[in-house]
Amino acid sequence: MIMNPPYNIRIQQDEILEFYNEIGRRLKHHWSGFDAWVFSGDLQALKRIGLRPKRRIALFNGSIESKLVHLPLYMGSKRKGPNN
């Protein structure tokens, strides 16, 4: 999946951080087993997706500094706990 969600420059989005947080929740719970690529110029909101990028590519959309991030989607957590 490739997406370019709004990032409050050309298209305004109320509560942008919550919007990106919801993108992360949807990707995690409904698209497990797939890969997502997200292109955004709101670098702070991009972090709110809450998924660890496998790859980050710095790009520009005109004069807007942007990133394209690769998010492999999986169920559960890859964090190592004390029992792992």
N, C-alpha and C. Protein backbone atom coordinates (compact mmCIF):
# COMPACT_ATOMS: atom_id res chain seq x y z
N MET A 1 0.85 -1.15 0.00
CA MET A 1 0.00 0.00 0.00
C MET A 1 0.91 1.23 0.00
N ILE A 2 0.56 2.19 -0.80
CA ILE A 2 1.29 3.46 -0.83
C ILE A 2 0.29 4.56 -0.51
N MET A 3 0.64 5.45 0.41
CA MET A 3 -0.27 6.55 0.74
C MET A 3 0.47 7.85 0.93
N ASN A 4 -0.24 8.92 0.66
CA ASN A 4 0.26 10.28 0.82
C ASN A 4 -0.82 11.06 1.58
N PRO A 5 -0.88 10.86 2.92
CA PRO A 5 -1.92 11.54 3.70
C PRO A 5 -1.65 13.04 3.76
N PRO A 6 -2.68 13.83 4.07
CA PRO A 6 -2.48 15.28 4.18
C PRO A 6 -1.46 15.61 5.27
N TYR A 7 -0.74 16.72 5.09
CA TYR A 7 0.22 17.12 6.10
C TYR A 7 0.16 18.60 6.40
N ASN A 8 -1.03 19.14 6.33
CA ASN A 8 -1.34 20.50 6.79
C ASN A 8 -0.59 21.60 6.07
N ILE A 9 -0.27 21.40 4.81
CA ILE A 9 0.34 22.49 4.05
C ILE A 9 -0.60 22.90 2.94
N ARG A 10 -0.94 21.99 2.07
CA ARG A 10 -1.88 22.32 0.99
C ARG A 10 -3.31 21.93 1.35
N ILE A 11 -3.47 20.82 2.05
CA ILE A 11 -4.78 20.36 2.51
C ILE A 11 -4.76 20.36 4.03
N GLN A 12 -5.64 21.12 4.64
CA GLN A 12 -5.69 21.22 6.09
C GLN A 12 -6.45 20.03 6.68
N GLN A 13 -5.94 19.49 7.78
CA GLN A 13 -6.57 18.38 8.48
C GLN A 13 -6.62 18.73 9.96
N ASP A 14 -7.82 18.79 10.52
CA ASP A 14 -7.95 19.03 11.95
C ASP A 14 -7.38 17.85 12.71
N GLU A 15 -6.74 18.13 13.82
CA GLU A 15 -6.18 17.10 14.69
C GLU A 15 -5.27 16.14 13.92
N ILE A 16 -4.29 16.70 13.25
CA ILE A 16 -3.41 15.94 12.37
C ILE A 16 -2.67 14.81 13.11
N LEU A 17 -2.26 15.04 14.35
CA LEU A 17 -1.53 14.00 15.07
C LEU A 17 -2.41 12.79 15.35
N GLU A 18 -3.65 13.02 15.73
CA GLU A 18 -4.59 11.92 15.96
C GLU A 18 -4.90 11.20 14.65
N PHE A 19 -4.98 11.96 13.56
CA PHE A 19 -5.22 11.37 12.24
C PHE A 19 -4.12 10.37 11.88
N TYR A 20 -2.86 10.75 12.08
CA TYR A 20 -1.73 9.85 11.78
C TYR A 20 -1.70 8.67 12.76
N ASN A 21 -2.07 8.91 14.01
CA ASN A 21 -2.15 7.84 15.00
C ASN A 21 -3.17 6.80 14.54
N GLU A 22 -4.30 7.24 14.02
CA GLU A 22 -5.34 6.33 13.52
C GLU A 22 -4.85 5.57 12.28
N ILE A 23 -4.08 6.22 11.43
CA ILE A 23 -3.49 5.52 10.28
C ILE A 23 -2.66 4.34 10.78
N GLY A 24 -1.83 4.57 11.79
CA GLY A 24 -1.00 3.50 12.35
C GLY A 24 -1.83 2.37 12.92
N ARG A 25 -2.89 2.70 13.66
CA ARG A 25 -3.76 1.66 14.23
C ARG A 25 -4.41 0.83 13.13
N ARG A 26 -4.91 1.49 12.11
CA ARG A 26 -5.56 0.76 11.01
C ARG A 26 -4.58 -0.14 10.27
N LEU A 27 -3.40 0.38 9.98
CA LEU A 27 -2.40 -0.43 9.29
C LEU A 27 -2.05 -1.66 10.11
N LYS A 28 -1.80 -1.47 11.39
CA LYS A 28 -1.38 -2.56 12.28
C LYS A 28 -2.45 -3.65 12.39
N HIS A 29 -3.70 -3.24 12.54
CA HIS A 29 -4.75 -4.21 12.84
C HIS A 29 -5.49 -4.75 11.62
N HIS A 30 -5.41 -4.08 10.49
CA HIS A 30 -6.17 -4.53 9.32
C HIS A 30 -5.32 -4.93 8.12
N TRP A 31 -4.02 -4.67 8.17
CA TRP A 31 -3.18 -4.95 7.01
C TRP A 31 -1.94 -5.77 7.37
N SER A 32 -2.03 -6.55 8.43
CA SER A 32 -0.91 -7.39 8.85
C SER A 32 -0.51 -8.32 7.70
N GLY A 33 0.80 -8.48 7.51
CA GLY A 33 1.31 -9.32 6.44
C GLY A 33 1.62 -8.56 5.16
N PHE A 34 1.29 -7.28 5.14
CA PHE A 34 1.55 -6.44 3.97
C PHE A 34 2.64 -5.42 4.30
N ASP A 35 3.03 -4.63 3.32
CA ASP A 35 3.95 -3.51 3.52
C ASP A 35 3.23 -2.23 3.17
N ALA A 36 3.54 -1.18 3.90
CA ALA A 36 2.98 0.15 3.61
C ALA A 36 4.15 1.11 3.37
N TRP A 37 3.95 2.00 2.42
CA TRP A 37 4.88 3.10 2.17
C TRP A 37 4.08 4.37 2.38
N VAL A 38 4.55 5.24 3.26
CA VAL A 38 3.83 6.48 3.57
C VAL A 38 4.74 7.65 3.21
N PHE A 39 4.22 8.57 2.41
CA PHE A 39 4.94 9.78 1.99
C PHE A 39 4.29 10.96 2.69
N SER A 40 5.09 11.72 3.45
CA SER A 40 4.52 12.85 4.18
C SER A 40 5.55 13.96 4.36
N GLY A 41 5.04 15.18 4.40
CA GLY A 41 5.86 16.35 4.67
C GLY A 41 5.72 16.82 6.11
N ASP A 42 4.88 16.16 6.90
CA ASP A 42 4.76 16.50 8.33
C ASP A 42 5.56 15.45 9.09
N LEU A 43 6.81 15.76 9.37
CA LEU A 43 7.72 14.78 9.96
C LEU A 43 7.34 14.43 11.39
N GLN A 44 6.75 15.36 12.14
CA GLN A 44 6.30 15.07 13.49
C GLN A 44 5.09 14.15 13.47
N ALA A 45 4.13 14.43 12.59
CA ALA A 45 2.94 13.59 12.49
C ALA A 45 3.31 12.19 12.02
N LEU A 46 4.28 12.09 11.15
CA LEU A 46 4.72 10.79 10.63
C LEU A 46 5.17 9.87 11.76
N LYS A 47 5.79 10.44 12.78
CA LYS A 47 6.21 9.65 13.95
C LYS A 47 5.02 9.11 14.72
N ARG A 48 3.88 9.78 14.64
CA ARG A 48 2.68 9.37 15.39
C ARG A 48 2.04 8.11 14.81
N ILE A 49 2.46 7.67 13.65
CA ILE A 49 1.94 6.41 13.12
C ILE A 49 2.27 5.28 14.09
N GLY A 50 3.40 5.41 14.78
CA GLY A 50 3.72 4.47 15.85
C GLY A 50 4.29 3.14 15.40
N LEU A 51 4.67 3.01 14.14
CA LEU A 51 5.28 1.78 13.64
C LEU A 51 6.72 2.07 13.25
N ARG A 52 7.58 1.11 13.49
CA ARG A 52 9.01 1.31 13.21
C ARG A 52 9.28 1.15 11.72
N PRO A 53 9.78 2.21 11.09
CA PRO A 53 10.10 2.11 9.65
C PRO A 53 11.30 1.20 9.41
N LYS A 54 11.22 0.43 8.36
CA LYS A 54 12.37 -0.38 7.93
C LYS A 54 13.33 0.49 7.12
N ARG A 55 12.75 1.45 6.41
CA ARG A 55 13.56 2.32 5.56
C ARG A 55 12.95 3.71 5.53
N ARG A 56 13.81 4.74 5.54
CA ARG A 56 13.38 6.14 5.42
C ARG A 56 14.12 6.76 4.25
N ILE A 57 13.38 7.41 3.37
CA ILE A 57 13.99 8.06 2.22
C ILE A 57 13.62 9.54 2.28
N ALA A 58 14.62 10.40 2.37
CA ALA A 58 14.39 11.85 2.40
C ALA A 58 14.11 12.33 0.97
N LEU A 59 13.02 13.06 0.81
CA LEU A 59 12.62 13.60 -0.49
C LEU A 59 12.11 15.02 -0.30
N PHE A 60 11.83 15.69 -1.40
CA PHE A 60 11.20 17.00 -1.37
C PHE A 60 9.96 16.97 -2.25
N ASN A 61 8.90 17.57 -1.76
CA ASN A 61 7.69 17.79 -2.54
C ASN A 61 7.69 19.29 -2.83
N GLY A 62 8.27 19.68 -3.96
CA GLY A 62 8.54 21.10 -4.21
C GLY A 62 9.59 21.54 -3.22
N SER A 63 9.26 22.54 -2.40
CA SER A 63 10.20 23.02 -1.38
C SER A 63 9.95 22.39 -0.02
N ILE A 64 8.99 21.48 0.08
CA ILE A 64 8.62 20.86 1.35
C ILE A 64 9.49 19.64 1.62
N GLU A 65 10.27 19.69 2.70
CA GLU A 65 11.07 18.54 3.10
C GLU A 65 10.10 17.42 3.51
N SER A 66 10.29 16.24 2.95
CA SER A 66 9.36 15.13 3.16
C SER A 66 10.13 13.84 3.37
N LYS A 67 9.40 12.80 3.78
CA LYS A 67 9.99 11.47 3.90
C LYS A 67 9.04 10.44 3.33
N LEU A 68 9.64 9.43 2.74
CA LEU A 68 8.93 8.24 2.31
C LEU A 68 9.42 7.13 3.23
N VAL A 69 8.51 6.54 4.01
CA VAL A 69 8.91 5.51 4.96
C VAL A 69 8.27 4.17 4.58
N HIS A 70 9.07 3.13 4.73
CA HIS A 70 8.62 1.76 4.47
C HIS A 70 8.26 1.13 5.81
N LEU A 71 7.00 0.67 5.93
CA LEU A 71 6.52 0.08 7.18
C LEU A 71 6.08 -1.37 6.93
N PRO A 72 6.90 -2.36 7.30
CA PRO A 72 6.43 -3.75 7.23
C PRO A 72 5.37 -3.93 8.32
N LEU A 73 4.25 -4.52 7.99
CA LEU A 73 3.14 -4.64 8.93
C LEU A 73 3.03 -6.07 9.45
N TYR A 74 2.92 -6.22 10.76
CA TYR A 74 2.86 -7.53 11.39
C TYR A 74 2.02 -7.43 12.67
N MET A 75 1.44 -8.54 13.08
CA MET A 75 0.69 -8.58 14.32
C MET A 75 1.66 -8.76 15.48
N GLY A 76 1.28 -8.30 16.63
CA GLY A 76 2.10 -8.48 17.82
C GLY A 76 3.21 -7.46 17.90
N SER A 77 4.25 -7.82 18.64
CA SER A 77 5.36 -6.92 18.87
C SER A 77 6.67 -7.64 18.59
N LYS A 78 7.65 -6.89 18.11
CA LYS A 78 8.99 -7.45 17.92
C LYS A 78 9.93 -7.03 19.04
N ARG A 79 9.38 -6.36 20.04
CA ARG A 79 10.20 -5.95 21.18
C ARG A 79 10.63 -7.17 21.97
N LYS A 80 11.86 -7.13 22.42
CA LYS A 80 12.37 -8.22 23.24
C LYS A 80 12.10 -7.90 24.69
N GLY A 81 11.37 -8.77 25.33
CA GLY A 81 11.07 -8.60 26.75
C GLY A 81 12.06 -9.36 27.59
N PRO A 82 11.88 -9.36 28.91
CA PRO A 82 12.82 -10.04 29.79
C PRO A 82 12.83 -11.56 29.61
N ASN A 83 11.76 -12.12 29.05
CA ASN A 83 11.69 -13.57 28.86
C ASN A 83 12.13 -14.00 27.47
N ASN A 84 12.51 -13.08 26.58
CA ASN A 84 12.91 -13.43 25.21
C ASN A 84 14.40 -13.61 25.10
